[in-house]
C-alpha atoms as a PDB file:
ATOM      1  CA  MET A   1     -87.945 131.755 -36.921  1.00  0.00           C
ATOM      2  CA  ALA A   2     -86.328 128.554 -35.482  1.00  0.00           C
ATOM      3  CA  ASN A   3     -84.652 129.070 -31.776  1.00  0.00           C
ATOM      4  CA  ILE A   4     -81.176 127.692 -30.976  1.00  0.00           C
ATOM      5  CA  ASN A   5     -81.942 127.244 -27.625  1.00  0.00           C
ATOM      6  CA  ARG A   6     -85.174 125.001 -28.264  1.00  0.00           C
ATOM      7  CA  ARG A   7     -83.553 122.856 -30.501  1.00  0.00           C
ATOM      8  CA  ARG A   8     -83.655 119.448 -30.345  1.00  0.00           C
ATOM      9  CA  THR A   9     -81.386 116.618 -28.481  1.00  0.00           C
ATOM     10  CA  GLU A  10     -82.075 114.201 -31.412  1.00  0.00           C
ATOM     11  CA  ASN A  11     -80.451 116.746 -34.129  1.00  0.00           C
ATOM     12  CA  ILE A  12     -76.569 115.313 -35.366  1.00  0.00           C
ATOM     13  CA  ASN A  13     -74.187 117.985 -34.533  1.00  0.00           C
ATOM     14  CA  GLY A  14     -73.585 120.462 -37.126  1.00  0.00           C
ATOM     15  CA  ASN A  15     -75.233 123.537 -38.821  1.00  0.00           C
ATOM     16  CA  PHE A  16     -78.997 122.297 -39.494  1.00  0.00           C
ATOM     17  CA  TYR A  17     -81.109 121.929 -36.666  1.00  0.00           C
ATOM     18  CA  VAL A  18     -84.929 121.775 -36.125  1.00  0.00           C
ATOM     19  CA  ASP A  19     -86.341 122.667 -32.872  1.00  0.00           C
ATOM     20  CA  SER A  20     -88.980 121.723 -30.699  1.00  0.00           C
ATOM     21  CA  THR A  21     -91.867 123.561 -32.250  1.00  0.00           C
ATOM     22  CA  CYS A  22     -91.930 120.847 -35.010  1.00  0.00           C
ATOM     23  CA  ILE A  23     -95.466 119.652 -35.605  1.00  0.00           C
ATOM     24  CA  ASP A  24     -94.492 116.439 -37.471  1.00  0.00           C
ATOM     25  CA  CYS A  25     -95.846 117.424 -40.592  1.00  0.00           C
ATOM     26  CA  ASP A  26     -93.057 115.871 -43.053  1.00  0.00           C
ATOM     27  CA  THR A  27     -92.524 118.337 -44.832  1.00  0.00           C
ATOM     28  CA  CYS A  28     -89.039 118.686 -44.287  1.00  0.00           C
ATOM     29  CA  ARG A  29     -88.577 114.556 -44.343  1.00  0.00           C
ATOM     30  CA  TRP A  30     -89.702 114.230 -48.095  1.00  0.00           C
ATOM     31  CA  MET A  31     -88.114 117.236 -49.201  1.00  0.00           C
ATOM     32  CA  ALA A  32     -84.546 116.115 -47.995  1.00  0.00           C
ATOM     33  CA  PRO A  33     -84.951 112.958 -46.916  1.00  0.00           C
ATOM     34  CA  GLU A  34     -80.931 112.883 -47.173  1.00  0.00           C
ATOM     35  CA  VAL A  35     -80.997 115.376 -44.348  1.00  0.00           C
ATOM     36  CA  PHE A  36     -83.724 115.295 -42.318  1.00  0.00           C
ATOM     37  CA  GLY A  37     -85.321 111.775 -40.298  1.00  0.00           C
ATOM     38  CA  ARG A  38     -88.457 111.405 -38.149  1.00  0.00           C
ATOM     39  CA  SER A  39     -87.241 110.743 -34.162  1.00  0.00           C
ATOM     40  CA  GLY A  40     -90.371 110.254 -31.782  1.00  0.00           C
ATOM     41  CA  GLU A  41     -93.295 112.278 -32.988  1.00  0.00           C
ATOM     42  CA  GLN A  42     -91.129 115.229 -34.584  1.00  0.00           C
ATOM     43  CA  SER A  43     -88.487 115.343 -37.290  1.00  0.00           C
ATOM     44  CA  ALA A  44     -84.897 116.177 -36.612  1.00  0.00           C
ATOM     45  CA  VAL A  45     -81.298 116.367 -38.548  1.00  0.00           C
ATOM     46  CA  TYR A  46     -79.531 112.525 -38.612  1.00  0.00           C
ATOM     47  CA  HIS A  47     -77.163 113.594 -41.471  1.00  0.00           C
ATOM     48  CA  GLN A  48     -75.816 117.327 -42.139  1.00  0.00           C
ATOM     49  CA  PRO A  49     -75.399 118.401 -45.585  1.00  0.00           C
ATOM     50  CA  THR A  50     -72.354 117.154 -47.115  1.00  0.00           C
ATOM     51  CA  ASN A  51     -72.493 118.787 -50.713  1.00  0.00           C
ATOM     52  CA  GLU A  52     -74.015 121.479 -52.860  1.00  0.00           C
ATOM     53  CA  THR A  53     -77.153 119.502 -53.761  1.00  0.00           C
ATOM     54  CA  GLU A  54     -78.033 118.509 -50.214  1.00  0.00           C
ATOM     55  CA  GLU A  55     -77.763 122.336 -48.651  1.00  0.00           C
ATOM     56  CA  MET A  56     -80.317 123.567 -51.186  1.00  0.00           C
ATOM     57  CA  ARG A  57     -82.691 120.601 -50.715  1.00  0.00           C
ATOM     58  CA  SER A  58     -82.370 121.554 -46.917  1.00  0.00           C
ATOM     59  CA  LEU A  59     -82.706 125.160 -47.428  1.00  0.00           C
ATOM     60  CA  ALA A  60     -85.786 124.531 -49.503  1.00  0.00           C
ATOM     61  CA  ALA A  61     -86.934 122.252 -46.534  1.00  0.00           C
ATOM     62  CA  LEU A  62     -86.047 125.448 -44.338  1.00  0.00           C
ATOM     63  CA  LEU A  63     -88.320 127.706 -46.284  1.00  0.00           C
ATOM     64  CA  SER A  64     -91.340 125.202 -46.610  1.00  0.00           C
ATOM     65  CA  CYS A  65     -91.456 124.377 -42.779  1.00  0.00           C
ATOM     66  CA  PRO A  66     -94.510 125.603 -42.222  1.00  0.00           C
ATOM     67  CA  THR A  67     -94.093 126.341 -38.332  1.00  0.00           C
ATOM     68  CA  SER A  68     -90.177 127.628 -39.179  1.00  0.00           C
ATOM     69  CA  SER A  69     -88.715 124.764 -37.049  1.00  0.00           C
ATOM     70  CA  ILE A  70     -85.878 124.472 -39.473  1.00  0.00           C
ATOM     71  CA  GLY A  71     -82.776 126.326 -38.463  1.00  0.00           C
ATOM     72  CA  THR A  72     -79.076 127.290 -39.223  1.00  0.00           C
ATOM     73  CA  VAL A  73     -76.476 127.616 -36.934  1.00  0.00           C
ATOM     74  CA  GLU A  74     -74.489 129.909 -39.253  1.00  0.00           C
ATOM     75  CA  LYS A  75     -76.646 132.568 -41.580  1.00  0.00           C
ATOM     76  CA  PRO A  76     -76.815 130.496 -44.706  1.00  0.00           C
ATOM     77  CA  LYS A  77     -75.544 132.278 -47.669  1.00  0.00           C
ATOM     78  CA  ASN A  78     -77.286 131.186 -50.824  1.00  0.00           C
ATOM     79  CA  ILE A  79     -81.248 131.460 -49.351  1.00  0.00           C
ATOM     80  CA  LYS A  80     -81.700 133.952 -52.164  1.00  0.00           C
ATOM     81  CA  GLU A  81     -80.779 131.257 -54.712  1.00  0.00           C
ATOM     82  CA  VAL A  82     -83.043 128.684 -52.990  1.00  0.00           C
ATOM     83  CA  GLN A  83     -85.984 131.057 -53.152  1.00  0.00           C
ATOM     84  CA  GLN A  84     -85.703 131.395 -56.490  1.00  0.00           C
ATOM     85  CA  GLN A  85     -85.862 127.530 -57.146  1.00  0.00           C
ATOM     86  CA  LEU A  86     -89.152 127.942 -55.899  1.00  0.00           C
ATOM     87  CA  PRO A  87     -91.594 126.671 -57.267  1.00  0.00           C
ATOM     88  CA  ALA A  88     -89.736 123.641 -57.973  1.00  0.00           C
ATOM     89  CA  LEU A  89     -89.925 121.995 -61.104  1.00  0.00           C
ATOM     90  CA  VAL A  90     -91.787 118.119 -60.477  1.00  0.00           C
ATOM     91  CA  THR A  91     -91.966 117.163 -63.834  1.00  0.00           C
ATOM     92  CA  GLU A  92     -93.183 118.698 -67.317  1.00  0.00           C
ATOM     93  CA  ASN A  93     -95.225 121.300 -66.593  1.00  0.00           C
ATOM     94  CA  VAL A  94     -95.856 120.735 -62.747  1.00  0.00           C
ATOM     95  CA  TYR A  95     -94.207 122.502 -59.872  1.00  0.00           C
ATOM     96  CA  HIS A  96     -94.106 122.311 -56.446  1.00  0.00           C
ATOM     97  CA  CYS A  97     -94.879 125.639 -54.641  1.00  0.00           C
ATOM     98  CA  GLY A  98     -92.696 124.933 -51.130  1.00  0.00           C
ATOM     99  CA  TYR A  99     -93.621 127.667 -48.665  1.00  0.00           C
ATOM    100  CA  HIS A 100     -96.252 124.923 -46.817  1.00  0.00           C
ATOM    101  CA  SER A 101     -98.738 126.832 -44.314  1.00  0.00           C
ATOM    102  CA  GLU A 102     -99.353 126.076 -40.999  1.00  0.00           C
ATOM    103  CA  LYS A 103    -102.874 126.887 -41.339  1.00  0.00           C
ATOM    104  CA  SER A 104    -103.097 123.601 -43.469  1.00  0.00           C
ATOM    105  CA  TYR A 105    -100.736 121.778 -41.284  1.00  0.00           C
ATOM    106  CA  GLY A 106     -98.191 121.669 -43.635  1.00  0.00           C
ATOM    107  CA  ALA A 107    -100.124 120.256 -46.722  1.00  0.00           C
ATOM    108  CA  ALA A 108     -97.813 120.818 -49.865  1.00  0.00           C
ATOM    109  CA  SER A 109     -99.377 123.110 -53.029  1.00  0.00           C
ATOM    110  CA  TYR A 110     -98.532 122.725 -56.744  1.00  0.00           C
ATOM    111  CA  LEU A 111     -98.683 125.736 -60.163  1.00  0.00           C
ATOM    112  CA  ILE A 112     -99.818 123.828 -63.266  1.00  0.00           C
ATOM    113  CA  VAL A 113     -98.275 125.966 -65.866  1.00  0.00           C
ATOM    114  CA  ARG A 114    -100.769 126.064 -68.664  1.00  0.00           C
ATOM    115  CA  PRO A 115    -100.849 128.335 -71.914  1.00  0.00           C
ATOM    116  CA  GLU A 116    -104.621 128.517 -71.509  1.00  0.00           C
ATOM    117  CA  GLY A 117    -103.782 129.857 -67.516  1.00  0.00           C
ATOM    118  CA  ASN A 118    -102.205 128.454 -64.775  1.00  0.00           C
ATOM    119  CA  VAL A 119    -104.038 126.538 -61.791  1.00  0.00           C
ATOM    120  CA  LEU A 120    -102.852 126.650 -58.284  1.00  0.00           C
ATOM    121  CA  VAL A 121    -103.803 123.845 -56.616  1.00  0.00           C
ATOM    122  CA  ASP A 122    -104.711 124.592 -52.780  1.00  0.00           C
ATOM    123  CA  SER A 123    -102.723 127.035 -51.319  1.00  0.00           C
ATOM    124  CA  PRO A 124     -99.458 127.867 -49.967  1.00  0.00           C
ATOM    125  CA  ARG A 125     -98.032 130.670 -47.789  1.00  0.00           C
ATOM    126  CA  PHE A 126     -98.655 134.098 -49.297  1.00  0.00           C
ATOM    127  CA  VAL A 127     -94.819 135.107 -49.162  1.00  0.00           C
ATOM    128  CA  PRO A 128     -93.086 137.791 -51.507  1.00  0.00           C
ATOM    129  CA  PRO A 129     -90.678 135.432 -52.755  1.00  0.00           C
ATOM    130  CA  LEU A 130     -93.396 132.966 -53.846  1.00  0.00           C
ATOM    131  CA  VAL A 131     -95.614 135.341 -55.185  1.00  0.00           C
ATOM    132  CA  LYS A 132     -92.825 137.269 -57.251  1.00  0.00           C
ATOM    133  CA  ASN A 133     -92.117 134.089 -58.931  1.00  0.00           C
ATOM    134  CA  ILE A 134     -95.482 132.750 -59.831  1.00  0.00           C
ATOM    135  CA  GLU A 135     -95.892 136.370 -61.391  1.00  0.00           C
ATOM    136  CA  ALA A 136     -93.184 135.542 -63.644  1.00  0.00           C
ATOM    137  CA  MET A 137     -94.463 132.390 -64.115  1.00  0.00           C
ATOM    138  CA  GLY A 138     -97.674 133.689 -65.693  1.00  0.00           C
ATOM    139  CA  GLY A 139     -99.702 134.420 -62.879  1.00  0.00           C
ATOM    140  CA  ILE A 140    -102.681 132.281 -61.470  1.00  0.00           C
ATOM    141  CA  ARG A 141    -106.088 131.520 -63.201  1.00  0.00           C
ATOM    142  CA  TYR A 142    -107.883 128.870 -61.151  1.00  0.00           C
ATOM    143  CA  LEU A 143    -106.759 128.668 -57.663  1.00  0.00           C
ATOM    144  CA  TYR A 144    -108.355 125.045 -56.694  1.00  0.00           C
ATOM    145  CA  LEU A 145    -108.904 123.764 -53.762  1.00  0.00           C
ATOM    146  CA  THR A 146    -109.693 120.624 -52.867  1.00  0.00           C
ATOM    147  CA  HIS A 147    -111.223 120.636 -49.563  1.00  0.00           C
ATOM    148  CA  ARG A 148    -111.451 122.638 -46.222  1.00  0.00           C
ATOM    149  CA  ASP A 149    -108.422 122.135 -44.507  1.00  0.00           C
ATOM    150  CA  ASP A 150    -105.880 123.241 -47.326  1.00  0.00           C
ATOM    151  CA  VAL A 151    -106.934 126.757 -47.996  1.00  0.00           C
ATOM    152  CA  ALA A 152    -104.404 128.864 -45.904  1.00  0.00           C
ATOM    153  CA  ASP A 153    -104.167 132.622 -47.759  1.00  0.00           C
ATOM    154  CA  HIS A 154    -106.450 131.273 -50.711  1.00  0.00           C
ATOM    155  CA  GLN A 155    -107.890 135.289 -50.295  1.00  0.00           C
ATOM    156  CA  ARG A 156    -104.739 137.049 -50.298  1.00  0.00           C
ATOM    157  CA  TYR A 157    -104.204 134.915 -53.874  1.00  0.00           C
ATOM    158  CA  ARG A 158    -107.484 135.979 -54.905  1.00  0.00           C
ATOM    159  CA  ASP A 159    -106.902 139.532 -54.462  1.00  0.00           C
ATOM    160  CA  HIS A 160    -103.450 139.821 -55.633  1.00  0.00           C
ATOM    161  CA  PHE A 161    -104.103 137.581 -59.029  1.00  0.00           C
ATOM    162  CA  GLY A 162    -107.747 137.827 -59.361  1.00  0.00           C
ATOM    163  CA  CYS A 163    -107.937 134.292 -60.109  1.00  0.00           C
ATOM    164  CA  ASP A 164    -111.288 132.113 -59.625  1.00  0.00           C
ATOM    165  CA  ARG A 165    -111.356 129.774 -57.059  1.00  0.00           C
ATOM    166  CA  ILE A 166    -112.885 126.631 -57.183  1.00  0.00           C
ATOM    167  CA  LEU A 167    -114.441 124.481 -53.888  1.00  0.00           C
ATOM    168  CA  HIS A 168    -117.014 122.097 -53.289  1.00  0.00           C
ATOM    169  CA  ALA A 169    -120.326 123.817 -51.881  1.00  0.00           C
ATOM    170  CA  ASP A 170    -120.177 121.049 -49.078  1.00  0.00           C
ATOM    171  CA  GLU A 171    -116.793 122.741 -48.334  1.00  0.00           C
ATOM    172  CA  ILE A 172    -118.041 126.674 -47.771  1.00  0.00           C
ATOM    173  CA  ASN A 173    -117.330 128.232 -44.391  1.00  0.00           C
ATOM    174  CA  ALA A 174    -117.319 131.206 -43.268  1.00  0.00           C
ATOM    175  CA  GLY A 175    -114.072 131.844 -44.798  1.00  0.00           C
ATOM    176  CA  THR A 176    -114.689 130.553 -48.206  1.00  0.00           C
ATOM    177  CA  ARG A 177    -118.262 131.790 -49.011  1.00  0.00           C
ATOM    178  CA  SER A 178    -116.824 134.259 -51.448  1.00  0.00           C
ATOM    179  CA  VAL A 179    -115.561 131.410 -53.455  1.00  0.00           C
ATOM    180  CA  GLU A 180    -116.340 132.273 -56.985  1.00  0.00           C
ATOM    181  CA  ILE A 181    -116.773 128.700 -58.512  1.00  0.00           C
ATOM    182  CA  GLN A 182    -118.775 126.678 -56.181  1.00  0.00           C
ATOM    183  CA  LEU A 183    -119.184 123.317 -57.074  1.00  0.00           C
ATOM    184  CA  SER A 184    -122.215 120.888 -56.430  1.00  0.00           C
ATOM    185  CA  GLY A 185    -123.452 117.774 -56.753  1.00  0.00           C
ATOM    186  CA  SER A 186    -121.361 114.153 -57.110  1.00  0.00           C
ATOM    187  CA  GLU A 187    -121.022 113.948 -61.119  1.00  0.00           C
ATOM    188  CA  PRO A 188    -117.290 114.846 -62.689  1.00  0.00           C
ATOM    189  CA  HIS A 189    -116.876 118.844 -63.321  1.00  0.00           C
ATOM    190  CA  GLN A 190    -114.822 119.250 -66.619  1.00  0.00           C
ATOM    191  CA  ILE A 191    -113.524 122.459 -66.046  1.00  0.00           C
ATOM    192  CA  ALA A 192    -111.694 122.535 -69.257  1.00  0.00           C
ATOM    193  CA  ASP A 193    -110.505 119.890 -71.687  1.00  0.00           C
ATOM    194  CA  ASP A 194    -107.390 119.227 -69.270  1.00  0.00           C
ATOM    195  CA  LEU A 195    -108.888 119.895 -66.113  1.00  0.00           C
ATOM    196  CA  LEU A 196    -111.372 117.082 -64.262  1.00  0.00           C
ATOM    197  CA  ILE A 197    -112.388 117.722 -61.136  1.00  0.00           C
ATOM    198  CA  ILE A 198    -113.619 114.349 -58.930  1.00  0.00           C
ATOM    199  CA  SER A 199    -115.764 113.807 -55.971  1.00  0.00           C
ATOM    200  CA  VAL A 200    -114.142 111.954 -53.653  1.00  0.00           C
ATOM    201  CA  PRO A 201    -116.418 112.083 -50.541  1.00  0.00           C
ATOM    202  CA  GLY A 202    -114.785 110.578 -47.270  1.00  0.00           C
ATOM    203  CA  HIS A 203    -111.975 112.598 -45.328  1.00  0.00           C
ATOM    204  CA  THR A 204    -114.681 115.209 -45.638  1.00  0.00           C
ATOM    205  CA  LYS A 205    -117.899 115.446 -47.811  1.00  0.00           C
ATOM    206  CA  GLY A 206    -117.214 117.683 -50.208  1.00  0.00           C
ATOM    207  CA  HIS A 207    -113.528 116.804 -50.764  1.00  0.00           C
ATOM    208  CA  THR A 208    -112.649 116.431 -54.750  1.00  0.00           C
ATOM    209  CA  VAL A 209    -109.340 115.779 -56.444  1.00  0.00           C
ATOM    210  CA  LEU A 210    -108.133 117.228 -60.194  1.00  0.00           C
ATOM    211  CA  LEU A 211    -106.789 115.171 -62.731  1.00  0.00           C
ATOM    212  CA  TYR A 212    -105.134 117.133 -65.011  1.00  0.00           C
ATOM    213  CA  ASN A 213    -104.381 115.736 -68.634  1.00  0.00           C
ATOM    214  CA  ASN A 214    -105.375 112.392 -68.197  1.00  0.00           C
ATOM    215  CA  LYS A 215    -101.778 112.170 -66.041  1.00  0.00           C
ATOM    216  CA  PHE A 216    -101.452 114.490 -62.788  1.00  0.00           C
ATOM    217  CA  LEU A 217    -103.968 113.251 -59.884  1.00  0.00           C
ATOM    218  CA  PHE A 218    -103.457 116.043 -57.093  1.00  0.00           C
ATOM    219  CA  SER A 219    -105.193 114.292 -54.609  1.00  0.00           C
ATOM    220  CA  GLY A 220    -105.297 116.676 -51.129  1.00  0.00           C
ATOM    221  CA  ASP A 221    -106.008 114.828 -48.462  1.00  0.00           C
ATOM    222  CA  HIS A 222    -107.746 111.278 -50.322  1.00  0.00           C
ATOM    223  CA  LEU A 223    -104.830 109.482 -51.290  1.00  0.00           C
ATOM    224  CA  ASP A 224    -101.144 109.288 -50.905  1.00  0.00           C
ATOM    225  CA  TRP A 225     -97.929 106.873 -51.078  1.00  0.00           C
ATOM    226  CA  SER A 226     -97.206 105.191 -47.598  1.00  0.00           C
ATOM    227  CA  GLN A 227     -93.426 104.845 -46.849  1.00  0.00           C
ATOM    228  CA  SER A 228     -94.134 102.343 -44.258  1.00  0.00           C
ATOM    229  CA  LEU A 229     -96.906 100.389 -46.334  1.00  0.00           C
ATOM    230  CA  GLN A 230     -95.232 101.086 -49.782  1.00  0.00           C
ATOM    231  CA  GLN A 231     -97.941 101.292 -51.017  1.00  0.00           C
ATOM    232  CA  LEU A 232    -100.996 103.684 -51.920  1.00  0.00           C
ATOM    233  CA  VAL A 233    -103.382 104.342 -49.077  1.00  0.00           C
ATOM    234  CA  GLY A 234    -106.296 106.301 -47.964  1.00  0.00           C
ATOM    235  CA  SER A 235    -106.132 106.940 -43.973  1.00  0.00           C
ATOM    236  CA  PRO A 236    -108.973 106.145 -41.489  1.00  0.00           C
ATOM    237  CA  GLU A 237    -107.001 107.906 -38.798  1.00  0.00           C
ATOM    238  CA  VAL A 238    -107.661 111.067 -40.736  1.00  0.00           C
ATOM    239  CA  CYS A 239    -111.145 110.256 -42.196  1.00  0.00           C
ATOM    240  CA  TRP A 240    -113.345 113.205 -41.208  1.00  0.00           C
ATOM    241  CA  TYR A 241    -116.474 112.224 -42.283  1.00  0.00           C
ATOM    242  CA  SER A 242    -117.200 108.871 -43.766  1.00  0.00           C
ATOM    243  CA  TRP A 243    -114.906 105.926 -43.969  1.00  0.00           C
ATOM    244  CA  PRO A 244    -117.351 103.426 -46.268  1.00  0.00           C
ATOM    245  CA  GLU A 245    -117.823 106.848 -48.214  1.00  0.00           C
ATOM    246  CA  GLN A 246    -113.348 107.145 -48.754  1.00  0.00           C
ATOM    247  CA  ILE A 247    -113.670 103.736 -49.956  1.00  0.00           C
ATOM    248  CA  LYS A 248    -116.701 103.966 -52.511  1.00  0.00           C
ATOM    249  CA  SER A 249    -114.637 107.034 -53.851  1.00  0.00           C
ATOM    250  CA  MET A 250    -111.600 105.274 -54.147  1.00  0.00           C
ATOM    251  CA  GLN A 251    -113.750 102.571 -55.920  1.00  0.00           C
ATOM    252  CA  ASN A 252    -115.066 105.124 -58.328  1.00  0.00           C
ATOM    253  CA  LEU A 253    -111.604 106.661 -58.710  1.00  0.00           C
ATOM    254  CA  ALA A 254    -109.998 103.761 -59.758  1.00  0.00           C
ATOM    255  CA  ASN A 255    -111.845 104.034 -63.216  1.00  0.00           C
ATOM    256  CA  TYR A 256    -109.823 106.413 -64.085  1.00  0.00           C
ATOM    257  CA  ASP A 257    -106.160 106.599 -65.269  1.00  0.00           C
ATOM    258  CA  PHE A 258    -103.404 108.198 -64.448  1.00  0.00           C
ATOM    259  CA  GLU A 259     -99.621 108.369 -63.600  1.00  0.00           C
ATOM    260  CA  TRP A 260     -98.582 110.609 -61.027  1.00  0.00           C
ATOM    261  CA  VAL A 261    -100.658 110.881 -57.184  1.00  0.00           C
ATOM    262  CA  LEU A 262     -99.892 114.215 -55.785  1.00  0.00           C
ATOM    263  CA  PRO A 263    -101.180 114.589 -52.506  1.00  0.00           C
ATOM    264  CA  GLY A 264    -101.509 117.600 -50.223  1.00  0.00           C
ATOM    265  CA  HIS A 265    -100.407 115.330 -47.393  1.00  0.00           C
ATOM    266  CA  GLY A 266     -98.108 112.245 -47.584  1.00  0.00           C
ATOM    267  CA  ARG A 267     -95.685 111.420 -50.241  1.00  0.00           C
ATOM    268  CA  ARG A 268     -96.034 111.527 -54.254  1.00  0.00           C
ATOM    269  CA  TYR A 269     -95.873 108.226 -56.169  1.00  0.00           C
ATOM    270  CA  ASN A 270     -95.109 107.855 -60.354  1.00  0.00           C
ATOM    271  CA  ALA A 271     -95.714 104.567 -61.993  1.00  0.00           C
ATOM    272  CA  ASP A 272     -96.784 103.332 -65.502  1.00  0.00           C
ATOM    273  CA  ARG A 273    -100.248 103.324 -65.602  1.00  0.00           C
ATOM    274  CA  GLN A 274    -100.513  99.740 -65.416  1.00  0.00           C
ATOM    275  CA  THR A 275     -98.909  99.413 -62.533  1.00  0.00           C
ATOM    276  CA  MET A 276    -101.087 102.362 -60.854  1.00  0.00           C
ATOM    277  CA  ARG A 277    -104.351 100.413 -61.686  1.00  0.00           C
ATOM    278  CA  GLU A 278    -102.877  97.589 -59.523  1.00  0.00           C
ATOM    279  CA  GLN A 279    -101.641  99.909 -56.972  1.00  0.00           C
ATOM    280  CA  MET A 280    -105.127 101.414 -56.394  1.00  0.00           C
ATOM    281  CA  GLN A 281    -106.612  97.855 -56.432  1.00  0.00           C
ATOM    282  CA  GLN A 282    -104.202  97.057 -53.848  1.00  0.00           C
ATOM    283  CA  CYS A 283    -105.126 100.051 -51.870  1.00  0.00           C
ATOM    284  CA  ILE A 284    -108.639  99.287 -51.772  1.00  0.00           C
ATOM    285  CA  ALA A 285    -108.461  96.006 -50.586  1.00  0.00           C
ATOM    286  CA  TRP A 286    -106.278  97.699 -47.532  1.00  0.00           C
ATOM    287  CA  MET A 287    -108.765  99.765 -46.748  1.00  0.00           C
ATOM    288  CA  LEU A 288    -111.427  97.271 -47.068  1.00  0.00           C
ATOM    289  CA  ASP A 289    -109.966  95.294 -44.090  1.00  0.00           C
ATOM    290  CA  ALA A 290    -108.687  98.406 -42.208  1.00  0.00           C
END
């Protein structure tokens, strides 16, 4: 729980606040950008909610904060209603789970609802309200893990739902040795007609991305939208394996068509296929100069 005694002085006066335990993961700032902003190297409330939409988005951010660094002076009256809204619809049959985990430094996770079996992309916190809602949405067939950093509570989801977890063998460690489907090599893996896993070494050795329905790219820590640069990027500051390999991976990924980029860390991006192709080329050019 956030602590009012640790409330950051940068917060504007009012009900919502961010305390000093914030890890600057950016979750609240993209979930409720009209309320939360960055001040120094942490988040803060720069505008108190003034209507129901802003209030609900702020509470969803509060629930999703991986370090419980967001608090309210008064006990929120509609918190249970907000809990019922997570996972939250992004578009079509793709949902943002919320409830980011500190174990993944606040990475986002997504749920794809499909007749052949739902896919959970990376792991959120294992919390009863979210688990209950996912049960009502059909459970989980696959738990796809982009790379070793964002596995969080994968074992608890496996134990509860009996889902098959998917992770590249180069990402396996002591905590993931029991993963059911361990991918190998650098060739694409067609898990189902609408699910293609593409190898993108760079951020980590065995990082992969998931292309769903030739439209949605779940990009983990490989690719995201930069607010400051206003373009797609792969970041050298968080490249733990090989920057040259990440550039090669991005060049390979540019051969695929998609309309959405849904990262673990960073901002989403949606555009028509032509614009996305242009953005990918701009991203590669930027990476070559970085």
